[in-house]
C-alpha atoms as a PDB file:
ATOM      1  CA  UNK A   1     -11.144  -8.079  57.759  1.00  0.00           C
ATOM      2  CA  UNK A   2     -13.230  -5.019  58.192  1.00  0.00           C
ATOM      3  CA  UNK A   3     -11.884  -2.248  60.268  1.00  0.00           C
ATOM      4  CA  UNK A   4     -13.925  -0.989  63.149  1.00  0.00           C
ATOM      5  CA  UNK A   5     -15.368   2.424  62.419  1.00  0.00           C
ATOM      6  CA  UNK A   6     -13.268   5.329  63.526  1.00  0.00           C
ATOM      7  CA  UNK A   7     -14.257   6.894  66.786  1.00  0.00           C
ATOM      8  CA  UNK A   8     -14.311  10.436  65.590  1.00  0.00           C
ATOM      9  CA  UNK A   9     -16.930  12.184  67.734  1.00  0.00           C
ATOM     10  CA  UNK A  10     -17.809  14.625  64.948  1.00  0.00           C
ATOM     11  CA  UNK A  11     -19.013  11.882  62.512  1.00  0.00           C
ATOM     12  CA  UNK A  12     -22.693  11.099  62.211  1.00  0.00           C
ATOM     13  CA  UNK A  13     -24.171   7.652  62.428  1.00  0.00           C
ATOM     14  CA  UNK A  14     -24.937   7.804  58.731  1.00  0.00           C
ATOM     15  CA  UNK A  15     -21.273   8.423  57.840  1.00  0.00           C
ATOM     16  CA  UNK A  16     -20.144   5.637  60.121  1.00  0.00           C
ATOM     17  CA  UNK A  17     -22.591   3.204  58.537  1.00  0.00           C
ATOM     18  CA  UNK A  18     -21.485   4.208  55.066  1.00  0.00           C
ATOM     19  CA  UNK A  19     -17.856   3.624  55.952  1.00  0.00           C
ATOM     20  CA  UNK A  20     -18.686   0.206  57.387  1.00  0.00           C
ATOM     21  CA  UNK A  21     -20.558  -0.862  54.205  1.00  0.00           C
ATOM     22  CA  UNK A  22     -17.749   0.422  52.058  1.00  0.00           C
ATOM     23  CA  UNK A  23     -15.170  -1.610  53.976  1.00  0.00           C
ATOM     24  CA  UNK A  24     -17.281  -4.801  53.832  1.00  0.00           C
ATOM     25  CA  UNK A  25     -17.676  -4.492  50.038  1.00  0.00           C
ATOM     26  CA  UNK A  26     -13.972  -3.833  49.610  1.00  0.00           C
ATOM     27  CA  UNK A  27     -13.106  -6.988  51.597  1.00  0.00           C
ATOM     28  CA  UNK A  28     -15.555  -9.117  49.601  1.00  0.00           C
ATOM     29  CA  UNK A  29     -14.109  -7.881  46.331  1.00  0.00           C
ATOM     30  CA  UNK A  30     -10.573  -8.702  47.491  1.00  0.00           C
ATOM     31  CA  UNK A  31     -11.667 -12.215  48.486  1.00  0.00           C
ATOM     32  CA  UNK A  32     -13.283 -12.845  45.076  1.00  0.00           C
ATOM     33  CA  UNK A  33     -10.117 -11.734  43.252  1.00  0.00           C
ATOM     34  CA  UNK A  34      -8.017 -13.982  45.414  1.00  0.00           C
ATOM     35  CA  UNK A  35     -10.326 -16.980  44.692  1.00  0.00           C
ATOM     36  CA  UNK A  36     -10.216 -16.405  40.920  1.00  0.00           C
ATOM     37  CA  UNK A  37      -6.438 -16.190  40.846  1.00  0.00           C
ATOM     38  CA  UNK A  38      -6.179 -19.565  42.702  1.00  0.00           C
ATOM     39  CA  UNK A  39      -8.551 -21.431  40.318  1.00  0.00           C
ATOM     40  CA  UNK A  40      -6.814 -23.354  37.510  1.00  0.00           C
ATOM     41  CA  UNK A  41      -7.575 -22.068  34.029  1.00  0.00           C
ATOM     42  CA  UNK A  42      -8.646 -18.742  35.321  1.00  0.00           C
ATOM     43  CA  UNK A  43      -8.438 -15.942  32.709  1.00  0.00           C
ATOM     44  CA  UNK A  44      -7.299 -13.407  35.232  1.00  0.00           C
ATOM     45  CA  UNK A  45      -4.210 -15.320  36.359  1.00  0.00           C
ATOM     46  CA  UNK A  46      -0.797 -14.156  35.295  1.00  0.00           C
ATOM     47  CA  UNK A  47       0.001 -17.514  33.615  1.00  0.00           C
ATOM     48  CA  UNK A  48      -3.105 -17.267  31.438  1.00  0.00           C
ATOM     49  CA  UNK A  49      -2.225 -13.720  30.411  1.00  0.00           C
ATOM     50  CA  UNK A  50       1.278 -14.879  29.534  1.00  0.00           C
ATOM     51  CA  UNK A  51      -0.156 -17.754  27.398  1.00  0.00           C
ATOM     52  CA  UNK A  52      -2.429 -15.343  25.554  1.00  0.00           C
ATOM     53  CA  UNK A  53       0.476 -12.986  24.941  1.00  0.00           C
ATOM     54  CA  UNK A  54       2.642 -15.819  23.586  1.00  0.00           C
ATOM     55  CA  UNK A  55      -0.191 -17.013  21.313  1.00  0.00           C
ATOM     56  CA  UNK A  56      -0.720 -13.535  19.932  1.00  0.00           C
ATOM     57  CA  UNK A  57       3.022 -13.160  19.422  1.00  0.00           C
ATOM     58  CA  UNK A  58       3.199 -16.532  17.676  1.00  0.00           C
ATOM     59  CA  UNK A  59       0.493 -15.409  15.255  1.00  0.00           C
ATOM     60  CA  UNK A  60       1.506 -11.793  14.687  1.00  0.00           C
ATOM     61  CA  UNK A  61       5.323 -12.193  14.413  1.00  0.00           C
ATOM     62  CA  UNK A  62       5.271 -14.455  11.298  1.00  0.00           C
ATOM     63  CA  UNK A  63       2.598 -12.195   9.796  1.00  0.00           C
ATOM     64  CA  UNK A  64       4.842  -9.203  10.410  1.00  0.00           C
ATOM     65  CA  UNK A  65       7.826 -10.961   8.838  1.00  0.00           C
ATOM     66  CA  UNK A  66       5.754 -11.956   5.798  1.00  0.00           C
ATOM     67  CA  UNK A  67       4.540  -8.372   5.279  1.00  0.00           C
ATOM     68  CA  UNK A  68       8.059  -7.051   5.694  1.00  0.00           C
ATOM     69  CA  UNK A  69       9.451  -9.454   3.097  1.00  0.00           C
ATOM     70  CA  UNK A  70       6.634  -8.636   0.687  1.00  0.00           C
ATOM     71  CA  UNK A  71       7.175  -4.860   1.065  1.00  0.00           C
ATOM     72  CA  UNK A  72      10.943  -5.167   0.588  1.00  0.00           C
ATOM     73  CA  UNK A  73      10.650  -7.264  -2.589  1.00  0.00           C
ATOM     74  CA  UNK A  74       7.684  -5.447  -4.133  1.00  0.00           C
ATOM     75  CA  UNK A  75       9.198  -2.009  -3.666  1.00  0.00           C
ATOM     76  CA  UNK A  76      12.356  -2.668  -5.710  1.00  0.00           C
ATOM     77  CA  UNK A  77      11.155  -1.261  -8.999  1.00  0.00           C
ATOM     78  CA  UNK A  78       9.956   2.330  -9.149  1.00  0.00           C
ATOM     79  CA  UNK A  79       6.329   2.895 -10.104  1.00  0.00           C
ATOM     80  CA  UNK A  80       5.647   3.812 -13.715  1.00  0.00           C
ATOM     81  CA  UNK A  81       4.206   7.292 -13.573  1.00  0.00           C
ATOM     82  CA  UNK A  82       4.296   7.992 -17.315  1.00  0.00           C
ATOM     83  CA  UNK A  83       4.264   5.514 -20.165  1.00  0.00           C
ATOM     84  CA  UNK A  84       7.136   5.733 -22.674  1.00  0.00           C
ATOM     85  CA  UNK A  85       4.701   7.200 -25.228  1.00  0.00           C
ATOM     86  CA  UNK A  86       3.755   9.958 -22.780  1.00  0.00           C
ATOM     87  CA  UNK A  87       7.433  10.735 -22.058  1.00  0.00           C
ATOM     88  CA  UNK A  88       8.141  10.959 -25.805  1.00  0.00           C
ATOM     89  CA  UNK A  89       5.131  13.249 -26.288  1.00  0.00           C
ATOM     90  CA  UNK A  90       6.472  15.490 -23.504  1.00  0.00           C
ATOM     91  CA  UNK A  91       9.846  15.763 -25.243  1.00  0.00           C
ATOM     92  CA  UNK A  92       8.200  16.540 -28.576  1.00  0.00           C
ATOM     93  CA  UNK A  93       6.042  19.228 -26.980  1.00  0.00           C
ATOM     94  CA  UNK A  94       9.127  20.806 -25.331  1.00  0.00           C
ATOM     95  CA  UNK A  95      10.626  21.086 -28.814  1.00  0.00           C
ATOM     96  CA  UNK A  96       7.461  22.777 -30.051  1.00  0.00           C
ATOM     97  CA  UNK A  97       7.550  25.298 -27.225  1.00  0.00           C
ATOM     98  CA  UNK A  98      11.257  25.990 -27.767  1.00  0.00           C
ATOM     99  CA  UNK A  99      10.601  26.599 -31.510  1.00  0.00           C
ATOM    100  CA  UNK A 100       7.894  29.097 -30.600  1.00  0.00           C
ATOM    101  CA  UNK A 101      10.280  30.866 -28.237  1.00  0.00           C
ATOM    102  CA  UNK A 102      13.047  30.930 -30.923  1.00  0.00           C
ATOM    103  CA  UNK A 103      10.660  32.450 -33.465  1.00  0.00           C
ATOM    104  CA  UNK A 104       9.520  35.091 -30.954  1.00  0.00           C
ATOM    105  CA  UNK A 105      13.163  35.942 -30.204  1.00  0.00           C
ATOM    106  CA  UNK A 106      14.007  36.213 -33.926  1.00  0.00           C
ATOM    107  CA  UNK A 107      10.970  38.455 -34.539  1.00  0.00           C
ATOM    108  CA  UNK A 108      11.964  40.818 -31.713  1.00  0.00           C
ATOM    109  CA  UNK A 109      15.750  40.797 -32.071  1.00  0.00           C
ATOM    110  CA  UNK A 110      16.075  40.250 -35.814  1.00  0.00           C
ATOM    111  CA  UNK A 111      18.442  37.259 -35.483  1.00  0.00           C
ATOM    112  CA  UNK A 112      18.490  33.742 -33.984  1.00  0.00           C
ATOM    113  CA  UNK A 113      19.688  33.398 -30.401  1.00  0.00           C
ATOM    114  CA  UNK A 114      23.093  31.814 -29.765  1.00  0.00           C
ATOM    115  CA  UNK A 115      21.714  29.297 -27.219  1.00  0.00           C
ATOM    116  CA  UNK A 116      18.457  28.007 -25.811  1.00  0.00           C
ATOM    117  CA  UNK A 117      19.332  29.631 -22.502  1.00  0.00           C
ATOM    118  CA  UNK A 118      18.558  33.059 -24.011  1.00  0.00           C
ATOM    119  CA  UNK A 119      14.948  31.974 -24.627  1.00  0.00           C
ATOM    120  CA  UNK A 120      14.500  30.201 -21.254  1.00  0.00           C
ATOM    121  CA  UNK A 121      15.026  26.571 -22.359  1.00  0.00           C
ATOM    122  CA  UNK A 122      18.633  26.080 -21.267  1.00  0.00           C
ATOM    123  CA  UNK A 123      17.928  23.420 -18.656  1.00  0.00           C
ATOM    124  CA  UNK A 124      15.458  21.301 -20.565  1.00  0.00           C
ATOM    125  CA  UNK A 125      17.884  18.681 -21.936  1.00  0.00           C
ATOM    126  CA  UNK A 126      17.687  19.797 -25.541  1.00  0.00           C
ATOM    127  CA  UNK A 127      20.488  20.696 -27.950  1.00  0.00           C
ATOM    128  CA  UNK A 128      20.355  23.686 -30.247  1.00  0.00           C
ATOM    129  CA  UNK A 129      22.592  24.370 -33.224  1.00  0.00           C
ATOM    130  CA  UNK A 130      22.525  27.215 -35.723  1.00  0.00           C
ATOM    131  CA  UNK A 131      22.912  25.993 -39.310  1.00  0.00           C
ATOM    132  CA  UNK A 132      23.393  28.779 -41.839  1.00  0.00           C
ATOM    133  CA  UNK A 133      20.237  30.846 -41.593  1.00  0.00           C
ATOM    134  CA  UNK A 134      18.254  28.185 -39.736  1.00  0.00           C
ATOM    135  CA  UNK A 135      18.609  25.956 -36.690  1.00  0.00           C
ATOM    136  CA  UNK A 136      18.263  22.373 -35.457  1.00  0.00           C
ATOM    137  CA  UNK A 137      16.800  21.333 -32.079  1.00  0.00           C
ATOM    138  CA  UNK A 138      17.184  17.803 -30.737  1.00  0.00           C
ATOM    139  CA  UNK A 139      15.708  16.185 -27.651  1.00  0.00           C
ATOM    140  CA  UNK A 140      16.373  12.605 -26.522  1.00  0.00           C
ATOM    141  CA  UNK A 141      13.679  10.716 -24.683  1.00  0.00           C
ATOM    142  CA  UNK A 142      14.128   7.098 -23.640  1.00  0.00           C
ATOM    143  CA  UNK A 143      16.837   6.493 -26.215  1.00  0.00           C
ATOM    144  CA  UNK A 144      14.775   8.050 -29.047  1.00  0.00           C
ATOM    145  CA  UNK A 145      16.024  11.259 -30.536  1.00  0.00           C
ATOM    146  CA  UNK A 146      13.503  13.813 -31.790  1.00  0.00           C
ATOM    147  CA  UNK A 147      14.924  16.395 -34.160  1.00  0.00           C
ATOM    148  CA  UNK A 148      13.340  19.503 -35.590  1.00  0.00           C
ATOM    149  CA  UNK A 149      15.004  21.461 -38.387  1.00  0.00           C
ATOM    150  CA  UNK A 150      13.892  25.089 -38.743  1.00  0.00           C
ATOM    151  CA  UNK A 151      11.226  25.482 -41.438  1.00  0.00           C
ATOM    152  CA  UNK A 152       9.850  21.941 -41.284  1.00  0.00           C
ATOM    153  CA  UNK A 153       6.240  21.105 -40.478  1.00  0.00           C
ATOM    154  CA  UNK A 154       5.594  21.452 -36.742  1.00  0.00           C
ATOM    155  CA  UNK A 155       2.399  19.336 -36.537  1.00  0.00           C
ATOM    156  CA  UNK A 156       4.227  16.274 -35.203  1.00  0.00           C
ATOM    157  CA  UNK A 157       5.525  18.322 -32.300  1.00  0.00           C
ATOM    158  CA  UNK A 158       2.463  20.548 -31.907  1.00  0.00           C
ATOM    159  CA  UNK A 159       0.010  17.633 -31.584  1.00  0.00           C
ATOM    160  CA  UNK A 160       1.991  15.841 -28.872  1.00  0.00           C
ATOM    161  CA  UNK A 161      -0.216  17.083 -25.956  1.00  0.00           C
ATOM    162  CA  UNK A 162      -3.088  15.022 -27.285  1.00  0.00           C
ATOM    163  CA  UNK A 163      -1.154  11.925 -26.226  1.00  0.00           C
ATOM    164  CA  UNK A 164      -0.584  13.368 -22.748  1.00  0.00           C
ATOM    165  CA  UNK A 165      -4.269  13.740 -21.900  1.00  0.00           C
ATOM    166  CA  UNK A 166      -5.516  10.741 -20.010  1.00  0.00           C
END
């Protein structure tokens, strides 16, 4: 029920009336909430909220499990970033660059280097052998070996970047 207005002598009639109206509205709102919670099938009751939560859970949980299973099975194989042809072209072009570095080394030092490390290609996965006055460079890509023997035509290795452009 509404409280009687406080008997503070310093309050004006206007403040007292405002407090009275505020209390009446507050009581009416509390009564309405109480009536709604007592009605069967009311959306604001705790049982209805629990039913809605269970329904949402019954729909979302299987959906979550399905998405989880799909992600776990679809993510097993790594994505293909480069095609095998592009990987081979990259290996051939590395050979071309190594040959250019070997020629530049020979022109400046007067002899062939003892390893590819001296010309900056030591960690590129290629093998280098000196054969008499020449050399052989081999790179393996996807099980395919690409070999260049010093003095051969370089066009096969030089034109590899054309296959890399997309």
